[in-house]
Amino acid sequence: MHQRITISPELRDWILATTRAGHGVPEILRRLKENGYDPRQSRSIVAEVLKLPLAALHASTGKAPPRGLRTKHPEAPDVCIDGHTIQISLSVETPLLRVLDGMLTGQECDELIELARPRLQRALTVDSDGRHQVDQRRTSEGMFFTLNELPLVGRIEQRLAGLLGVPVNHGEGLQILHYLPGQEYEPHYDWFDPEQAGYDAITAVGGQRIASVVMYLNTPAQGGGTAFPELGLTVTARRGSAVYFAYEGGDRSSLHAGLPVLQGEKWIATKWLRERPYSNPKKP
């Protein structure tokens, strides 16, 4: 029989204060371990205090877990966040990757597209100095929402935070991208290369990127999937589904590409997660 863990008011207050200060679950677990707490007990304590499903915490012991969606038992492939059920249809461990069906409802997909459509511009990438630039590898149009800009955006951000165990303020603004036939995003990494001259400037506003979530807002007639060349894996773009992948520490197996749209069009919403609270840098 499972024995309920007693959590002292002091420990509960410390966990909440540490979270409000911008530290994620891995840092809290690390500190608890340093203070003599059993790792398994620590995960139960943190899940209870932060109201997270235990499935949102990594099941391994002996080391701090990577951030992001944790291992989910194959016999229980669903996660319910605030009444919204998400199905985990594919799991890869290196890099930590999950295909999430039902991440968004059809209505949410349609609303995001219509809200983004009048604000689309040529999609940019971030250069070595942290500035936004046109990159020939990326041929789509896009736009950004600010954090919690609209009730719909805030609801999706809260859902992701509950699913991934990463605070909302660790995420960059939700980006909407639109691809027409022939448009693509060639193989690339989402994390920032520490060897880049502008690495310190890029990471001064929230630290390194640690994970990405690509949410598909429609189903292209043909093409437009997300390919992971190092894994020999392509995730099909299907309306309402998403692919989550983590790369804390600069995992090179996270190399990925937005494949060309062959027929129809593709709409996606992308969320990048950072090590620390993210503050939007001033654009030049």
Protein backbone atom coordinates (compact mmCIF):
# COMPACT_ATOMS: atom_id res chain seq x y z
CA MET A 1 0.00 0.00 0.00
CA HIS A 2 1.33 3.45 -0.94
CA GLN A 3 2.30 5.47 2.11
CA ARG A 4 1.49 9.18 1.88
CA ILE A 5 4.53 11.40 2.38
CA THR A 6 4.31 14.09 5.07
CA ILE A 7 5.62 17.41 3.76
CA SER A 8 6.58 20.00 6.34
CA PRO A 9 5.28 23.58 5.86
CA GLU A 10 8.89 24.79 5.70
CA LEU A 11 9.78 22.42 2.87
CA ARG A 12 6.59 23.25 0.97
CA ASP A 13 7.31 26.99 1.27
CA TRP A 14 10.91 26.49 0.12
CA ILE A 15 9.87 24.56 -3.00
CA LEU A 16 7.29 27.19 -3.95
CA ALA A 17 9.71 30.07 -3.32
CA THR A 18 12.45 28.38 -5.34
CA THR A 19 10.05 27.84 -8.24
CA ARG A 20 8.89 31.47 -8.13
CA ALA A 21 12.55 32.52 -8.25
CA GLY A 22 12.78 30.88 -11.69
CA HIS A 23 14.41 27.54 -10.85
CA GLY A 24 13.03 24.47 -12.61
CA VAL A 25 12.22 21.01 -11.29
CA PRO A 26 15.71 19.58 -12.00
CA GLU A 27 17.36 22.25 -9.84
CA ILE A 28 14.92 21.65 -6.98
CA LEU A 29 15.54 17.89 -7.12
CA ARG A 30 19.30 18.45 -7.20
CA ARG A 31 19.19 20.61 -4.07
CA LEU A 32 16.96 18.14 -2.26
CA LYS A 33 19.40 15.35 -3.07
CA GLU A 34 22.31 17.46 -1.75
CA ASN A 35 20.38 17.83 1.50
CA GLY A 36 19.97 14.08 1.93
CA TYR A 37 16.55 13.43 0.42
CA ASP A 38 16.01 10.16 -1.41
CA PRO A 39 15.58 10.93 -5.16
CA ARG A 40 12.37 8.89 -5.47
CA GLN A 41 10.87 10.53 -2.39
CA SER A 42 11.95 13.95 -3.70
CA ARG A 43 10.06 13.44 -6.95
CA SER A 44 6.89 12.57 -5.05
CA ILE A 45 7.29 15.63 -2.82
CA VAL A 46 7.85 18.01 -5.75
CA ALA A 47 4.96 16.51 -7.72
CA GLU A 48 2.65 16.98 -4.72
CA VAL A 49 3.69 20.57 -3.95
CA LEU A 50 3.70 21.79 -7.57
CA LYS A 51 0.57 19.80 -8.49
CA LEU A 52 2.39 18.00 -11.32
CA PRO A 53 1.55 14.49 -12.54
CA LEU A 54 4.28 12.06 -11.56
CA ALA A 55 4.47 11.24 -15.26
CA ALA A 56 5.96 14.70 -15.68
CA LEU A 57 9.02 13.66 -13.64
CA HIS A 58 11.75 11.37 -14.89
CA ALA A 59 11.71 7.87 -13.42
CA SER A 60 15.48 7.41 -13.21
CA THR A 61 17.47 7.62 -9.97
CA GLY A 62 20.91 8.76 -9.02
CA LYS A 63 21.11 11.87 -11.23
CA ALA A 64 19.12 15.02 -11.89
CA PRO A 65 16.62 14.35 -14.67
CA PRO A 66 16.64 16.22 -17.97
CA ARG A 67 13.94 18.86 -18.26
CA GLY A 68 10.85 18.28 -20.30
CA LEU A 69 8.25 15.58 -20.73
CA ARG A 70 9.42 12.63 -18.66
CA THR A 71 9.20 8.92 -19.29
CA LYS A 72 5.60 7.71 -19.60
CA HIS A 73 4.75 4.07 -18.94
CA PRO A 74 3.64 2.39 -22.19
CA GLU A 75 0.57 0.86 -20.54
CA ALA A 76 -0.68 4.35 -19.61
CA PRO A 77 0.02 6.50 -22.68
CA ASP A 78 -2.32 9.37 -21.82
CA VAL A 79 -1.68 12.54 -19.81
CA CYS A 80 -4.55 14.73 -18.59
CA ILE A 81 -3.77 18.43 -18.03
CA ASP A 82 -6.64 20.54 -16.66
CA GLY A 83 -9.19 18.25 -18.25
CA HIS A 84 -7.41 18.10 -21.63
CA THR A 85 -6.20 14.62 -22.58
CA ILE A 86 -3.00 14.22 -24.61
CA GLN A 87 -1.95 10.86 -26.05
CA ILE A 88 1.73 9.89 -26.27
CA SER A 89 1.94 7.87 -29.48
CA LEU A 90 5.74 7.61 -29.89
CA SER A 91 8.67 7.75 -27.45
CA VAL A 92 12.40 8.04 -28.19
CA GLU A 93 14.96 8.29 -25.41
CA THR A 94 17.98 9.83 -27.24
CA PRO A 95 17.20 12.57 -27.85
CA LEU A 96 14.27 12.64 -25.44
CA LEU A 97 11.41 12.86 -27.97
CA ARG A 98 7.65 12.40 -27.71
CA VAL A 99 4.92 12.55 -30.33
CA LEU A 100 1.84 14.05 -28.68
CA ASP A 101 -1.58 13.50 -30.24
CA GLY A 102 -4.40 15.85 -29.27
CA MET A 103 -2.05 18.56 -28.03
CA LEU A 104 -4.42 21.15 -29.50
CA THR A 105 -8.09 20.98 -30.42
CA GLY A 106 -9.22 21.62 -33.97
CA GLN A 107 -10.82 24.89 -32.88
CA GLU A 108 -7.58 26.04 -31.23
CA CYS A 109 -5.65 25.26 -34.41
CA ASP A 110 -8.08 27.25 -36.56
CA GLU A 111 -8.09 30.21 -34.18
CA LEU A 112 -4.28 30.39 -34.05
CA ILE A 113 -4.08 30.40 -37.84
CA GLU A 114 -6.63 33.21 -38.20
CA LEU A 115 -5.04 35.29 -35.44
CA ALA A 116 -1.59 34.92 -37.01
CA ARG A 117 -2.52 35.37 -40.68
CA PRO A 118 -2.61 39.21 -40.81
CA ARG A 119 0.71 39.48 -38.93
CA LEU A 120 2.84 37.15 -41.07
CA GLN A 121 6.29 38.26 -42.24
CA ARG A 122 9.30 36.46 -43.69
CA ALA A 123 10.46 34.06 -40.96
CA LEU A 124 13.82 34.96 -39.40
CA THR A 125 16.56 33.10 -37.57
CA VAL A 126 18.85 34.34 -34.77
CA ASP A 127 22.41 35.25 -35.78
CA SER A 128 25.56 34.89 -33.67
CA ASP A 129 25.00 38.29 -32.05
CA GLY A 130 21.41 37.54 -31.06
CA ARG A 131 19.90 39.60 -33.88
CA HIS A 132 17.10 38.36 -36.13
CA GLN A 133 18.11 37.77 -39.75
CA VAL A 134 16.82 36.35 -43.02
CA ASP A 135 18.25 32.86 -43.60
CA GLN A 136 17.98 31.12 -46.97
CA ARG A 137 17.58 27.77 -45.18
CA ARG A 138 14.23 28.97 -43.82
CA THR A 139 11.70 29.97 -46.47
CA SER A 140 8.46 30.26 -44.50
CA GLU A 141 6.48 33.22 -43.18
CA GLY A 142 5.88 33.67 -39.48
CA MET A 143 5.01 35.81 -36.47
CA PHE A 144 5.37 35.77 -32.69
CA PHE A 145 2.84 36.12 -29.91
CA THR A 146 4.10 37.58 -26.65
CA LEU A 147 3.64 35.50 -23.51
CA ASN A 148 -0.03 35.39 -22.49
CA GLU A 149 -0.86 37.90 -25.23
CA LEU A 150 -4.36 36.45 -25.69
CA PRO A 151 -6.51 34.07 -23.59
CA LEU A 152 -5.99 31.32 -26.19
CA VAL A 153 -2.22 31.78 -26.13
CA GLY A 154 -2.15 31.81 -22.33
CA ARG A 155 -4.23 28.62 -22.15
CA ILE A 156 -1.86 26.77 -24.46
CA GLU A 157 1.18 28.03 -22.54
CA GLN A 158 -0.31 26.81 -19.25
CA ARG A 159 -1.08 23.42 -20.82
CA LEU A 160 2.52 23.07 -21.98
CA ALA A 161 3.84 24.10 -18.56
CA GLY A 162 1.68 21.49 -16.84
CA LEU A 163 2.69 18.79 -19.32
CA LEU A 164 6.42 19.53 -19.37
CA GLY A 165 7.03 20.66 -15.82
CA VAL A 166 8.73 23.86 -17.07
CA PRO A 167 7.39 27.26 -15.88
CA VAL A 168 5.59 29.41 -18.46
CA ASN A 169 8.15 32.19 -18.11
CA HIS A 170 10.93 29.85 -19.26
CA GLY A 171 9.36 29.78 -22.72
CA GLU A 172 9.93 32.10 -25.64
CA GLY A 173 6.84 33.59 -27.25
CA LEU A 174 4.74 31.22 -29.32
CA GLN A 175 5.79 31.40 -32.99
CA ILE A 176 3.36 30.64 -35.82
CA LEU A 177 4.89 29.59 -39.17
CA HIS A 178 3.24 29.19 -42.58
CA TYR A 179 4.78 27.11 -45.39
CA LEU A 180 3.59 27.03 -49.03
CA PRO A 181 4.49 24.33 -51.60
CA GLY A 182 8.26 24.00 -51.94
CA GLN A 183 9.02 25.88 -48.70
CA GLU A 184 11.04 24.17 -45.98
CA TYR A 185 13.50 24.60 -43.12
CA GLU A 186 16.72 22.72 -43.81
CA PRO A 187 18.43 20.57 -41.09
CA HIS A 188 19.43 22.62 -38.07
CA TYR A 189 19.72 22.65 -34.28
CA ASP A 190 17.48 24.76 -32.07
CA TRP A 191 20.08 25.09 -29.31
CA PHE A 192 22.73 27.82 -29.48
CA ASP A 193 26.33 26.88 -30.28
CA PRO A 194 28.61 27.94 -27.36
CA GLU A 195 31.38 28.52 -29.93
CA GLN A 196 29.41 31.29 -31.61
CA ALA A 197 30.83 34.75 -31.02
CA GLY A 198 27.50 36.07 -29.76
CA TYR A 199 26.62 33.14 -27.51
CA ASP A 200 26.77 35.20 -24.31
CA ALA A 201 24.43 37.82 -25.75
CA ILE A 202 21.94 35.23 -26.99
CA THR A 203 21.82 33.37 -23.67
CA ALA A 204 21.77 36.48 -21.46
CA VAL A 205 17.98 36.63 -21.87
CA GLY A 206 17.10 33.21 -20.45
CA GLY A 207 20.07 30.92 -20.84
CA GLN A 208 20.46 28.11 -23.35
CA ARG A 209 17.49 26.56 -25.14
CA ILE A 210 16.75 23.13 -23.66
CA ALA A 211 13.74 21.81 -25.60
CA SER A 212 11.32 22.50 -28.44
CA VAL A 213 7.65 21.78 -29.09
CA VAL A 214 6.37 21.84 -32.68
CA MET A 215 2.56 21.83 -32.87
CA TYR A 216 0.85 21.13 -36.20
CA LEU A 217 -2.11 23.40 -36.92
CA ASN A 218 -3.21 21.65 -40.11
CA THR A 219 -2.50 18.49 -42.11
CA PRO A 220 -0.69 19.26 -45.39
CA ALA A 221 -1.97 17.40 -48.45
CA GLN A 222 1.55 16.00 -48.94
CA GLY A 223 4.93 16.56 -47.29
CA GLY A 224 5.79 19.00 -44.51
CA GLY A 225 6.75 16.52 -41.79
CA THR A 226 9.53 17.05 -39.25
CA ALA A 227 12.58 14.89 -40.00
CA PHE A 228 15.27 13.81 -37.52
CA PRO A 229 18.12 12.61 -39.80
CA GLU A 230 20.25 11.17 -36.98
CA LEU A 231 17.33 8.98 -35.89
CA GLY A 232 16.02 8.01 -39.32
CA LEU A 233 12.67 9.33 -38.11
CA THR A 234 10.05 11.59 -39.71
CA VAL A 235 7.09 12.83 -37.69
CA THR A 236 4.03 13.31 -39.89
CA ALA A 237 2.39 16.72 -39.67
CA ARG A 238 -1.15 16.06 -38.42
CA ARG A 239 -3.58 18.73 -37.24
CA GLY A 240 -3.64 19.03 -33.44
CA SER A 241 -0.62 16.78 -32.81
CA ALA A 242 2.88 17.87 -31.74
CA VAL A 243 6.43 16.66 -31.40
CA TYR A 244 8.44 17.51 -28.29
CA PHE A 245 12.21 17.00 -28.15
CA ALA A 246 14.81 17.95 -25.56
CA TYR A 247 18.49 18.67 -26.14
CA GLU A 248 19.85 19.97 -22.84
CA GLY A 249 23.62 20.04 -23.18
CA GLY A 250 23.57 20.50 -26.97
CA ASP A 251 22.52 16.99 -28.03
CA ARG A 252 23.53 16.65 -31.69
CA SER A 253 21.06 13.85 -32.26
CA SER A 254 18.38 16.57 -32.06
CA LEU A 255 19.26 17.69 -35.61
CA HIS A 256 15.95 18.20 -37.40
CA ALA A 257 14.35 19.71 -40.50
CA GLY A 258 10.99 20.97 -41.65
CA LEU A 259 10.54 18.95 -44.85
CA PRO A 260 9.30 20.68 -48.02
CA VAL A 261 5.58 21.00 -48.47
CA LEU A 262 4.75 19.09 -51.67
CA GLN A 263 1.03 19.84 -51.91
CA GLY A 264 -1.19 22.20 -49.97
CA GLU A 265 0.20 24.30 -47.11
CA LYS A 266 1.55 23.81 -43.60
CA TRP A 267 0.88 25.79 -40.42
CA ILE A 268 2.77 25.11 -37.20
CA ALA A 269 3.14 26.69 -33.76
CA THR A 270 6.60 26.40 -32.21
CA LYS A 271 7.60 26.84 -28.57
CA TRP A 272 11.24 27.01 -27.44
CA LEU A 273 12.09 26.48 -23.77
CA ARG A 274 15.01 28.06 -21.91
CA GLU A 275 17.06 27.22 -18.82
CA ARG A 276 15.90 30.33 -16.95
CA PRO A 277 13.07 32.88 -17.13
CA TYR A 278 13.10 34.43 -20.60
CA SER A 279 12.90 38.17 -21.22
CA ASN A 280 12.29 39.18 -24.82
CA PRO A 281 15.40 41.02 -26.10
CA LYS A 282 15.00 44.36 -27.82
CA LYS A 283 15.03 43.94 -31.57
CA PRO A 284 17.33 46.18 -33.61
